[in-house]
Amino acid sequence: MIDKKATIQAHAKSDKDTGSTAVQVALLTARINNLGAHLAENKKDKHGQRGLQLMNGQRRRLLKYLERTNYDEYIALTDQLKIRRGQRIVR
């Protein structure tokens, strides 16, 4: 089980920040790690696998947005959460 309050406090920009991109990515990462451990034991849980794929897609979209809008925060967040980065979007 994830500690949602601790995760929010660790990544929030202010006391009332509960929905910034960094907080959303951190919460999704915690849920993904938790579900990944579950799926390691329960290999036939197909519904759980689909949920994991959906969460990975949502996190990827949020990280893509963060990369476009605030690249320095994107680098810091991916380093802190130990998430692999893709190639940089150049436009």
N, C-alpha and C. Protein backbone atom coordinates (compact mmCIF):
# COMPACT_ATOMS: atom_id res chain seq x y z
N MET A 1 0.84 -1.18 0.00
CA MET A 1 0.00 0.00 0.00
C MET A 1 0.88 1.24 0.00
N ILE A 2 0.48 2.23 -0.78
CA ILE A 2 1.30 3.43 -0.87
C ILE A 2 0.85 4.44 0.19
N ASP A 3 1.80 5.25 0.64
CA ASP A 3 1.50 6.33 1.57
C ASP A 3 1.28 7.59 0.76
N LYS A 4 0.02 7.87 0.46
CA LYS A 4 -0.33 8.95 -0.47
C LYS A 4 0.06 10.32 0.08
N LYS A 5 -0.19 10.55 1.36
CA LYS A 5 0.12 11.86 1.96
C LYS A 5 1.62 12.15 1.93
N ALA A 6 2.41 11.15 2.24
CA ALA A 6 3.87 11.33 2.24
C ALA A 6 4.38 11.60 0.82
N THR A 7 3.79 10.91 -0.16
CA THR A 7 4.20 11.11 -1.54
C THR A 7 3.84 12.52 -2.00
N ILE A 8 2.66 12.98 -1.64
CA ILE A 8 2.23 14.33 -2.02
C ILE A 8 3.12 15.37 -1.37
N GLN A 9 3.41 15.20 -0.07
CA GLN A 9 4.25 16.17 0.63
C GLN A 9 5.67 16.21 0.07
N ALA A 10 6.16 15.07 -0.38
CA ALA A 10 7.53 15.01 -0.90
C ALA A 10 7.67 15.74 -2.23
N HIS A 11 6.60 15.80 -3.03
CA HIS A 11 6.70 16.36 -4.36
C HIS A 11 5.89 17.63 -4.58
N ALA A 12 5.17 18.10 -3.55
CA ALA A 12 4.34 19.29 -3.69
C ALA A 12 5.20 20.55 -3.68
N LYS A 13 4.75 21.54 -4.43
CA LYS A 13 5.46 22.82 -4.48
C LYS A 13 5.07 23.72 -3.33
N SER A 14 3.85 23.54 -2.81
CA SER A 14 3.37 24.30 -1.66
C SER A 14 2.52 23.37 -0.79
N ASP A 15 1.98 23.92 0.31
CA ASP A 15 1.19 23.10 1.22
C ASP A 15 -0.11 22.60 0.59
N LYS A 16 -0.70 23.41 -0.27
CA LYS A 16 -2.00 23.06 -0.85
C LYS A 16 -1.88 22.42 -2.23
N ASP A 17 -0.68 22.14 -2.65
CA ASP A 17 -0.45 21.55 -3.98
C ASP A 17 -0.71 20.05 -3.92
N THR A 18 -1.81 19.62 -4.55
CA THR A 18 -2.11 18.19 -4.58
C THR A 18 -2.28 17.67 -6.00
N GLY A 19 -2.25 18.56 -6.99
CA GLY A 19 -2.54 18.10 -8.34
C GLY A 19 -1.57 18.57 -9.40
N SER A 20 -0.41 19.08 -9.00
CA SER A 20 0.55 19.49 -10.01
C SER A 20 1.06 18.27 -10.76
N THR A 21 1.67 18.50 -11.89
CA THR A 21 2.15 17.41 -12.72
C THR A 21 3.15 16.53 -11.97
N ALA A 22 4.04 17.14 -11.21
CA ALA A 22 5.04 16.36 -10.47
C ALA A 22 4.38 15.45 -9.44
N VAL A 23 3.36 15.95 -8.77
CA VAL A 23 2.65 15.14 -7.76
C VAL A 23 1.92 14.00 -8.44
N GLN A 24 1.26 14.27 -9.56
CA GLN A 24 0.54 13.23 -10.28
C GLN A 24 1.48 12.13 -10.75
N VAL A 25 2.64 12.52 -11.28
CA VAL A 25 3.61 11.54 -11.76
C VAL A 25 4.14 10.71 -10.59
N ALA A 26 4.40 11.35 -9.46
CA ALA A 26 4.91 10.63 -8.29
C ALA A 26 3.88 9.62 -7.77
N LEU A 27 2.61 10.01 -7.73
CA LEU A 27 1.57 9.09 -7.27
C LEU A 27 1.40 7.93 -8.25
N LEU A 28 1.43 8.22 -9.54
CA LEU A 28 1.32 7.15 -10.53
C LEU A 28 2.50 6.20 -10.43
N THR A 29 3.69 6.73 -10.20
CA THR A 29 4.88 5.89 -10.08
C THR A 29 4.76 4.96 -8.87
N ALA A 30 4.24 5.48 -7.77
CA ALA A 30 4.05 4.64 -6.59
C ALA A 30 3.04 3.53 -6.87
N ARG A 31 1.95 3.88 -7.54
CA ARG A 31 0.93 2.87 -7.87
C ARG A 31 1.48 1.84 -8.86
N ILE A 32 2.27 2.29 -9.83
CA ILE A 32 2.86 1.38 -10.81
C ILE A 32 3.82 0.41 -10.14
N ASN A 33 4.65 0.91 -9.23
CA ASN A 33 5.58 0.04 -8.51
C ASN A 33 4.83 -0.99 -7.66
N ASN A 34 3.76 -0.54 -7.01
CA ASN A 34 2.97 -1.43 -6.17
C ASN A 34 2.30 -2.52 -7.02
N LEU A 35 1.72 -2.13 -8.14
CA LEU A 35 1.05 -3.10 -9.01
C LEU A 35 2.06 -4.03 -9.68
N GLY A 36 3.24 -3.52 -9.98
CA GLY A 36 4.28 -4.36 -10.57
C GLY A 36 4.70 -5.48 -9.63
N ALA A 37 4.78 -5.18 -8.33
CA ALA A 37 5.10 -6.22 -7.35
C ALA A 37 3.99 -7.26 -7.27
N HIS A 38 2.75 -6.79 -7.36
CA HIS A 38 1.61 -7.71 -7.35
C HIS A 38 1.64 -8.63 -8.57
N LEU A 39 1.93 -8.05 -9.73
CA LEU A 39 1.92 -8.83 -10.97
C LEU A 39 3.10 -9.80 -11.06
N ALA A 40 4.15 -9.53 -10.33
CA ALA A 40 5.27 -10.48 -10.30
C ALA A 40 4.84 -11.79 -9.65
N GLU A 41 3.94 -11.72 -8.69
CA GLU A 41 3.45 -12.92 -8.02
C GLU A 41 2.25 -13.52 -8.74
N ASN A 42 1.42 -12.70 -9.36
CA ASN A 42 0.19 -13.15 -10.00
C ASN A 42 0.27 -12.92 -11.50
N LYS A 43 0.95 -13.81 -12.18
CA LYS A 43 1.24 -13.62 -13.60
C LYS A 43 0.00 -13.71 -14.48
N LYS A 44 -1.07 -14.34 -14.01
CA LYS A 44 -2.26 -14.51 -14.84
C LYS A 44 -3.30 -13.41 -14.62
N ASP A 45 -2.96 -12.39 -13.87
CA ASP A 45 -3.89 -11.29 -13.61
C ASP A 45 -3.91 -10.35 -14.82
N LYS A 46 -4.72 -10.69 -15.80
CA LYS A 46 -4.76 -9.92 -17.05
C LYS A 46 -5.38 -8.54 -16.86
N HIS A 47 -6.36 -8.43 -15.97
CA HIS A 47 -6.97 -7.13 -15.73
C HIS A 47 -5.97 -6.19 -15.04
N GLY A 48 -5.18 -6.75 -14.16
CA GLY A 48 -4.14 -5.95 -13.52
C GLY A 48 -3.08 -5.50 -14.51
N GLN A 49 -2.76 -6.36 -15.48
CA GLN A 49 -1.79 -6.00 -16.50
C GLN A 49 -2.30 -4.84 -17.35
N ARG A 50 -3.61 -4.88 -17.66
CA ARG A 50 -4.19 -3.80 -18.45
C ARG A 50 -4.17 -2.49 -17.65
N GLY A 51 -4.48 -2.57 -16.36
CA GLY A 51 -4.42 -1.39 -15.51
C GLY A 51 -3.02 -0.81 -15.45
N LEU A 52 -2.02 -1.68 -15.41
CA LEU A 52 -0.63 -1.23 -15.41
C LEU A 52 -0.28 -0.51 -16.71
N GLN A 53 -0.74 -1.05 -17.82
CA GLN A 53 -0.48 -0.41 -19.11
C GLN A 53 -1.15 0.96 -19.19
N LEU A 54 -2.37 1.08 -18.67
CA LEU A 54 -3.06 2.36 -18.68
C LEU A 54 -2.34 3.39 -17.81
N MET A 55 -1.88 2.95 -16.65
CA MET A 55 -1.15 3.87 -15.76
C MET A 55 0.18 4.30 -16.38
N ASN A 56 0.87 3.36 -17.03
CA ASN A 56 2.12 3.71 -17.71
C ASN A 56 1.88 4.74 -18.81
N GLY A 57 0.80 4.57 -19.56
CA GLY A 57 0.47 5.52 -20.62
C GLY A 57 0.15 6.90 -20.07
N GLN A 58 -0.61 6.95 -18.97
CA GLN A 58 -0.95 8.23 -18.35
C GLN A 58 0.30 8.92 -17.84
N ARG A 59 1.19 8.15 -17.19
CA ARG A 59 2.43 8.73 -16.67
C ARG A 59 3.31 9.23 -17.82
N ARG A 60 3.35 8.47 -18.93
CA ARG A 60 4.14 8.89 -20.08
C ARG A 60 3.62 10.21 -20.65
N ARG A 61 2.29 10.36 -20.73
CA ARG A 61 1.71 11.61 -21.24
C ARG A 61 2.01 12.78 -20.32
N LEU A 62 1.92 12.55 -19.01
CA LEU A 62 2.22 13.62 -18.06
C LEU A 62 3.70 14.02 -18.13
N LEU A 63 4.57 13.04 -18.25
CA LEU A 63 6.01 13.35 -18.36
C LEU A 63 6.32 14.09 -19.65
N LYS A 64 5.63 13.73 -20.72
CA LYS A 64 5.81 14.41 -22.00
C LYS A 64 5.40 15.88 -21.89
N TYR A 65 4.29 16.13 -21.20
CA TYR A 65 3.82 17.50 -20.96
C TYR A 65 4.83 18.26 -20.12
N LEU A 66 5.31 17.64 -19.06
CA LEU A 66 6.28 18.29 -18.17
C LEU A 66 7.58 18.59 -18.92
N GLU A 67 7.98 17.69 -19.79
CA GLU A 67 9.20 17.90 -20.58
C GLU A 67 9.05 19.12 -21.49
N ARG A 68 7.88 19.28 -22.07
CA ARG A 68 7.64 20.43 -22.96
C ARG A 68 7.59 21.74 -22.20
N THR A 69 6.96 21.74 -21.02
CA THR A 69 6.70 23.00 -20.32
C THR A 69 7.82 23.41 -19.36
N ASN A 70 8.42 22.44 -18.67
CA ASN A 70 9.45 22.77 -17.68
C ASN A 70 10.50 21.67 -17.68
N TYR A 71 11.48 21.80 -18.55
CA TYR A 71 12.46 20.74 -18.77
C TYR A 71 13.32 20.48 -17.53
N ASP A 72 13.68 21.53 -16.80
CA ASP A 72 14.52 21.34 -15.60
C ASP A 72 13.79 20.53 -14.53
N GLU A 73 12.50 20.82 -14.34
CA GLU A 73 11.71 20.05 -13.37
C GLU A 73 11.55 18.60 -13.83
N TYR A 74 11.41 18.41 -15.13
CA TYR A 74 11.30 17.07 -15.71
C TYR A 74 12.55 16.24 -15.40
N ILE A 75 13.72 16.84 -15.60
CA ILE A 75 14.99 16.15 -15.32
C ILE A 75 15.09 15.81 -13.84
N ALA A 76 14.77 16.77 -12.98
CA ALA A 76 14.87 16.55 -11.53
C ALA A 76 13.90 15.45 -11.08
N LEU A 77 12.68 15.48 -11.61
CA LEU A 77 11.68 14.50 -11.19
C LEU A 77 12.04 13.09 -11.66
N THR A 78 12.49 12.95 -12.89
CA THR A 78 12.85 11.62 -13.38
C THR A 78 14.07 11.07 -12.64
N ASP A 79 15.00 11.93 -12.28
CA ASP A 79 16.14 11.48 -11.49
C ASP A 79 15.70 11.05 -10.09
N GLN A 80 14.80 11.82 -9.49
CA GLN A 80 14.36 11.54 -8.14
C GLN A 80 13.55 10.25 -8.07
N LEU A 81 12.70 10.02 -9.08
CA LEU A 81 11.84 8.83 -9.08
C LEU A 81 12.49 7.63 -9.77
N LYS A 82 13.69 7.84 -10.31
CA LYS A 82 14.43 6.78 -11.03
C LYS A 82 13.62 6.25 -12.21
N ILE A 83 13.10 7.18 -13.03
CA ILE A 83 12.36 6.84 -14.24
C ILE A 83 13.29 7.08 -15.42
N ARG A 84 13.32 6.12 -16.34
CA ARG A 84 14.14 6.30 -17.54
C ARG A 84 13.52 7.37 -18.42
N ARG A 85 14.40 8.17 -19.03
CA ARG A 85 13.93 9.24 -19.92
C ARG A 85 14.08 8.79 -21.36
N GLY A 86 13.16 9.26 -22.20
CA GLY A 86 13.28 9.01 -23.62
C GLY A 86 14.11 10.09 -24.27
N GLN A 87 14.09 10.13 -25.58
CA GLN A 87 14.82 11.16 -26.28
C GLN A 87 14.10 12.49 -26.12
N ARG A 88 14.85 13.58 -26.10
CA ARG A 88 14.27 14.88 -25.90
C ARG A 88 13.49 15.32 -27.14
N ILE A 89 12.34 15.93 -26.90
CA ILE A 89 11.51 16.46 -27.97
C ILE A 89 12.07 17.81 -28.37
N VAL A 90 12.41 17.98 -29.62
CA VAL A 90 12.94 19.26 -30.10
C VAL A 90 11.94 19.83 -31.10
N ARG A 91 11.47 21.02 -30.81
CA ARG A 91 10.52 21.66 -31.72
C ARG A 91 10.89 23.09 -31.96
